[in-house]
Amino acid sequence: YTKSMQVGTWVLVFAIVSLVDIGPKDQTFADPLALLMTLPGGIAMISQLVLMILSVIAIAALRSAPPSSIPKILAFAFLVATSTVISASVGKLMQMDLGPDLRILCLIVYLTLGAISFVAAAVAAAETDGSTYLPVRSCVQLLLNAATGLAVWQDWKTVSSRTAYACVYVLIVLGVYEVSSFDVAHIFSTNSHVKTSETKFSKAARHLSVVWEEEPADQKAACDALRNMLANGLRSGDVKAKDLLE
């Protein structure tokens, strides 16, 4: 583990420990279904359903995108996160005082969303870069879960310090970002900046990385890309001949 990963892990540990005391407390509701009918509750649930649908459409449109594609990773992250968060709310409803018909309906919805989340997570594991997908999905799920708690379950009523509560989530997001390979600065860098700063050696190294990631079975392409990178490195001095011999 690198220093950044160790620091990020400890940030996560202490942030989650703090959330136990800073987070919202359990509440009892005389009419839990009425919470979904409030304006904030309705907006939160409808927004998440819309995000689910848009995520499915995006995943279908990005089938051929490489595993490192950020739009593809975000689409899977939002699908898994929204289905998980909504199913958690449905599961919470099932534990409350509901009639038998509503309880059966909630069970069907809960199992359906659970299946969607499970299948989407399994496909994402095979179709996306896990080092980026997992932290992105974790951040999205945490933020959606907090937003649902505030909007639907009125957690804001039992949070003693709203500033500290918000800061804990900021620390969790920063901790996840620190332990991941996700680099926001790299993603938002412009193409012109990349072109002017890249040398022939760095371009060849980036091409080799793409070949290894997208065509792992093509040994000829990998050998050609490796040969090109080493040749450019020897010319530029980035690679030393004695290092290759050793």
Protein backbone atom coordinates (compact mmCIF):
# COMPACT_ATOMS: atom_id res chain seq x y z
CA TYR A 1 0.00 0.00 0.00
CA THR A 2 1.20 3.48 -0.85
CA LYS A 3 1.25 6.34 1.64
CA SER A 4 -1.84 7.90 0.01
CA MET A 5 -3.79 4.64 0.29
CA GLN A 6 -2.88 4.25 3.97
CA VAL A 7 -3.87 7.85 4.76
CA GLY A 8 -7.11 7.52 2.79
CA THR A 9 -7.99 4.31 4.64
CA TRP A 10 -7.49 5.95 8.05
CA VAL A 11 -9.52 8.98 6.97
CA LEU A 12 -12.37 6.60 6.05
CA VAL A 13 -12.12 4.69 9.34
CA PHE A 14 -12.27 7.78 11.55
CA ALA A 15 -14.97 9.45 9.44
CA ILE A 16 -17.23 6.38 9.70
CA VAL A 17 -16.56 6.08 13.44
CA SER A 18 -17.55 9.75 13.84
CA LEU A 19 -20.72 9.17 11.83
CA VAL A 20 -22.01 6.83 14.57
CA ASP A 21 -22.28 9.76 17.01
CA ILE A 22 -22.86 12.59 14.55
CA GLY A 23 -25.36 10.80 12.30
CA PRO A 24 -29.17 10.79 12.62
CA LYS A 25 -30.99 8.80 15.30
CA ASP A 26 -33.84 6.33 14.77
CA GLN A 27 -37.33 7.79 14.54
CA THR A 28 -40.84 6.35 14.68
CA PHE A 29 -43.46 7.39 12.13
CA ALA A 30 -47.21 7.04 12.52
CA ASP A 31 -47.70 7.01 8.72
CA PRO A 32 -44.43 6.14 6.95
CA LEU A 33 -46.02 6.17 3.48
CA ALA A 34 -46.92 9.84 4.01
CA LEU A 35 -43.21 10.65 4.00
CA LEU A 36 -43.04 9.62 0.36
CA MET A 37 -45.87 12.01 -0.45
CA THR A 38 -44.09 15.09 0.86
CA LEU A 39 -42.47 17.40 -1.70
CA PRO A 40 -38.85 16.59 -0.70
CA GLY A 41 -39.60 12.88 -0.44
CA GLY A 42 -41.37 12.75 -3.79
CA ILE A 43 -38.59 14.68 -5.53
CA ALA A 44 -35.93 12.40 -4.03
CA MET A 45 -37.63 9.15 -5.08
CA ILE A 46 -38.62 10.34 -8.57
CA SER A 47 -35.11 11.71 -9.16
CA GLN A 48 -33.56 8.37 -8.26
CA LEU A 49 -35.98 6.47 -10.50
CA VAL A 50 -35.11 8.81 -13.38
CA LEU A 51 -31.39 8.29 -12.68
CA MET A 52 -31.93 4.52 -12.82
CA ILE A 53 -33.64 4.72 -16.20
CA LEU A 54 -31.04 7.10 -17.63
CA SER A 55 -28.27 4.83 -16.33
CA VAL A 56 -29.74 1.81 -18.12
CA ILE A 57 -29.98 3.81 -21.36
CA ALA A 58 -26.39 5.05 -20.95
CA ILE A 59 -25.07 1.54 -20.30
CA ALA A 60 -26.78 0.26 -23.46
CA ALA A 61 -25.33 3.15 -25.49
CA LEU A 62 -21.81 2.66 -24.08
CA ARG A 63 -21.54 -1.12 -24.53
CA SER A 64 -18.50 -0.81 -26.79
CA ALA A 65 -16.72 1.80 -24.64
CA PRO A 66 -13.43 0.71 -23.02
CA PRO A 67 -13.37 -0.30 -19.31
CA SER A 68 -11.67 3.00 -18.41
CA SER A 69 -14.48 5.10 -19.95
CA ILE A 70 -15.67 7.54 -17.28
CA PRO A 71 -19.24 7.88 -18.71
CA LYS A 72 -19.54 4.09 -18.69
CA ILE A 73 -18.25 3.87 -15.12
CA LEU A 74 -20.64 6.62 -13.98
CA ALA A 75 -23.59 4.87 -15.67
CA PHE A 76 -22.92 1.61 -13.80
CA ALA A 77 -22.20 3.48 -10.57
CA PHE A 78 -25.51 5.36 -10.65
CA LEU A 79 -27.51 2.25 -11.59
CA VAL A 80 -26.08 0.17 -8.73
CA ALA A 81 -26.21 3.05 -6.24
CA THR A 82 -29.79 4.16 -6.98
CA SER A 83 -31.18 0.62 -6.95
CA THR A 84 -29.39 -0.09 -3.66
CA VAL A 85 -30.53 3.13 -2.00
CA ILE A 86 -34.17 2.76 -3.09
CA SER A 87 -34.24 -0.90 -1.98
CA ALA A 88 -32.86 0.19 1.41
CA SER A 89 -35.77 2.62 1.80
CA VAL A 90 -38.26 -0.07 0.75
CA GLY A 91 -36.67 -2.46 3.27
CA LYS A 92 -37.08 0.18 5.97
CA LEU A 93 -40.76 0.51 5.04
CA MET A 94 -41.23 -3.25 5.39
CA GLN A 95 -40.14 -3.05 9.03
CA MET A 96 -42.89 -0.56 9.85
CA ASP A 97 -46.61 -0.96 10.44
CA LEU A 98 -48.01 -1.78 6.98
CA GLY A 99 -50.98 -3.78 5.78
CA PRO A 100 -50.38 -7.24 4.27
CA ASP A 101 -50.99 -6.05 0.70
CA LEU A 102 -48.50 -3.19 0.97
CA ARG A 103 -45.98 -5.47 2.68
CA ILE A 104 -46.17 -7.97 -0.20
CA LEU A 105 -45.81 -5.14 -2.75
CA CYS A 106 -42.78 -3.80 -0.88
CA LEU A 107 -41.26 -7.29 -0.83
CA ILE A 108 -41.64 -7.63 -4.61
CA VAL A 109 -40.09 -4.20 -5.20
CA TYR A 110 -37.31 -4.96 -2.73
CA LEU A 111 -36.39 -8.26 -4.42
CA THR A 112 -36.57 -6.70 -7.90
CA LEU A 113 -34.28 -3.82 -6.99
CA GLY A 114 -31.92 -6.21 -5.22
CA ALA A 115 -31.69 -8.33 -8.36
CA ILE A 116 -31.02 -5.24 -10.50
CA SER A 117 -28.29 -4.08 -8.13
CA PHE A 118 -26.67 -7.55 -8.00
CA VAL A 119 -26.68 -8.10 -11.77
CA ALA A 120 -25.48 -4.55 -12.53
CA ALA A 121 -22.65 -4.87 -10.00
CA ALA A 122 -21.57 -8.20 -11.51
CA VAL A 123 -21.58 -6.79 -15.04
CA ALA A 124 -19.73 -3.66 -13.89
CA ALA A 125 -17.02 -5.83 -12.35
CA ALA A 126 -16.40 -7.40 -15.74
CA GLU A 127 -16.94 -4.35 -17.95
CA THR A 128 -15.26 -1.48 -16.07
CA ASP A 129 -11.96 -0.63 -14.42
CA GLY A 130 -12.52 -1.67 -10.80
CA SER A 131 -9.92 0.69 -9.38
CA THR A 132 -12.05 3.61 -10.60
CA TYR A 133 -15.55 2.10 -10.56
CA LEU A 134 -15.58 0.95 -6.93
CA PRO A 135 -14.64 4.29 -5.30
CA VAL A 136 -16.93 6.23 -7.66
CA ARG A 137 -19.86 3.93 -6.89
CA SER A 138 -19.16 4.10 -3.15
CA CYS A 139 -19.16 7.91 -3.20
CA VAL A 140 -22.35 8.09 -5.28
CA GLN A 141 -24.11 5.58 -3.03
CA LEU A 142 -23.08 7.35 0.18
CA LEU A 143 -24.24 10.73 -1.09
CA LEU A 144 -27.54 9.38 -2.44
CA ASN A 145 -28.16 7.53 0.82
CA ALA A 146 -27.56 10.70 2.84
CA ALA A 147 -29.80 12.75 0.53
CA THR A 148 -32.58 10.15 0.78
CA GLY A 149 -32.33 10.11 4.55
CA LEU A 150 -32.64 13.89 4.74
CA ALA A 151 -35.38 14.28 2.12
CA VAL A 152 -37.52 11.17 2.73
CA TRP A 153 -36.87 10.06 6.30
CA GLN A 154 -36.38 13.57 7.70
CA ASP A 155 -33.01 12.74 9.27
CA TRP A 156 -32.35 16.47 9.58
CA LYS A 157 -34.63 16.51 12.63
CA THR A 158 -32.28 14.32 14.68
CA VAL A 159 -28.87 15.52 13.45
CA SER A 160 -27.34 17.47 16.34
CA SER A 161 -24.67 19.23 14.27
CA ARG A 162 -25.45 19.67 10.57
CA THR A 163 -22.05 21.18 9.83
CA ALA A 164 -20.22 18.23 11.38
CA TYR A 165 -22.58 15.80 9.60
CA ALA A 166 -21.80 17.39 6.23
CA CYS A 167 -18.07 17.45 6.96
CA VAL A 168 -18.06 13.72 7.76
CA TYR A 169 -19.43 12.97 4.29
CA VAL A 170 -16.83 15.27 2.76
CA LEU A 171 -14.13 13.32 4.61
CA ILE A 172 -15.58 10.00 3.41
CA VAL A 173 -15.56 11.17 -0.20
CA LEU A 174 -11.98 12.47 0.17
CA GLY A 175 -10.90 9.21 1.80
CA VAL A 176 -12.36 7.11 -1.01
CA TYR A 177 -10.76 9.42 -3.56
CA GLU A 178 -7.38 9.12 -1.81
CA VAL A 179 -7.31 5.30 -1.85
CA SER A 180 -8.43 5.07 -5.48
CA SER A 181 -6.57 5.58 -8.75
CA PHE A 182 -9.27 8.03 -9.86
CA ASP A 183 -7.69 11.34 -10.90
CA VAL A 184 -10.07 14.24 -11.50
CA ALA A 185 -7.28 16.55 -12.70
CA HIS A 186 -6.28 14.03 -15.36
CA ILE A 187 -9.85 13.59 -16.60
CA PHE A 188 -10.56 17.31 -16.96
CA SER A 189 -7.22 18.13 -18.56
CA THR A 190 -7.70 19.40 -22.10
CA ASN A 191 -6.50 17.53 -25.15
CA SER A 192 -4.32 20.47 -26.18
CA HIS A 193 -2.54 20.38 -22.84
CA VAL A 194 -1.90 16.65 -23.21
CA LYS A 195 -0.53 17.09 -26.72
CA THR A 196 1.91 19.82 -25.77
CA SER A 197 3.16 18.11 -22.61
CA GLU A 198 3.52 14.56 -23.95
CA THR A 199 6.78 13.30 -25.41
CA LYS A 200 7.09 10.48 -27.91
CA PHE A 201 8.10 8.20 -25.04
CA SER A 202 5.06 9.10 -22.91
CA LYS A 203 2.73 8.67 -25.89
CA ALA A 204 4.23 5.25 -26.58
CA ALA A 205 3.87 4.30 -22.89
CA ARG A 206 0.23 5.41 -22.87
CA HIS A 207 -0.42 3.42 -26.05
CA LEU A 208 1.12 0.33 -24.43
CA SER A 209 -1.15 0.77 -21.42
CA VAL A 210 -4.21 0.97 -23.68
CA VAL A 211 -3.15 -2.17 -25.59
CA TRP A 212 -2.66 -4.12 -22.36
CA GLU A 213 -6.04 -2.97 -21.07
CA GLU A 214 -8.18 -3.34 -24.18
CA GLU A 215 -6.40 -6.18 -26.04
CA PRO A 216 -4.78 -8.37 -23.36
CA ALA A 217 -4.86 -11.48 -25.59
CA ASP A 218 -3.13 -9.82 -28.56
CA GLN A 219 0.52 -10.62 -27.83
CA LYS A 220 1.80 -9.25 -31.15
CA ALA A 221 0.21 -5.84 -30.56
CA ALA A 222 1.59 -5.79 -27.01
CA CYS A 223 5.12 -6.71 -28.20
CA ASP A 224 5.02 -4.04 -30.93
CA ALA A 225 3.82 -1.40 -28.45
CA LEU A 226 6.49 -2.41 -25.92
CA ARG A 227 9.22 -2.33 -28.58
CA ASN A 228 8.07 1.13 -29.71
CA MET A 229 8.05 2.45 -26.14
CA LEU A 230 11.55 1.12 -25.39
CA ALA A 231 12.92 2.49 -28.68
CA ASN A 232 11.54 5.96 -27.95
CA GLY A 233 12.76 5.76 -24.38
CA LEU A 234 16.30 4.90 -25.46
CA ARG A 235 16.33 7.80 -27.92
CA SER A 236 15.05 10.33 -25.38
CA GLY A 237 17.13 9.03 -22.49
CA ASP A 238 14.08 8.11 -20.39
CA VAL A 239 15.22 4.47 -20.58
CA LYS A 240 18.87 3.55 -19.98
CA ALA A 241 20.48 0.68 -21.90
CA LYS A 242 22.23 -0.57 -18.76
CA ASP A 243 18.88 -0.77 -16.94
CA LEU A 244 17.54 -3.06 -19.69
CA LEU A 245 20.60 -5.31 -19.42
CA GLU A 246 20.23 -5.55 -15.67
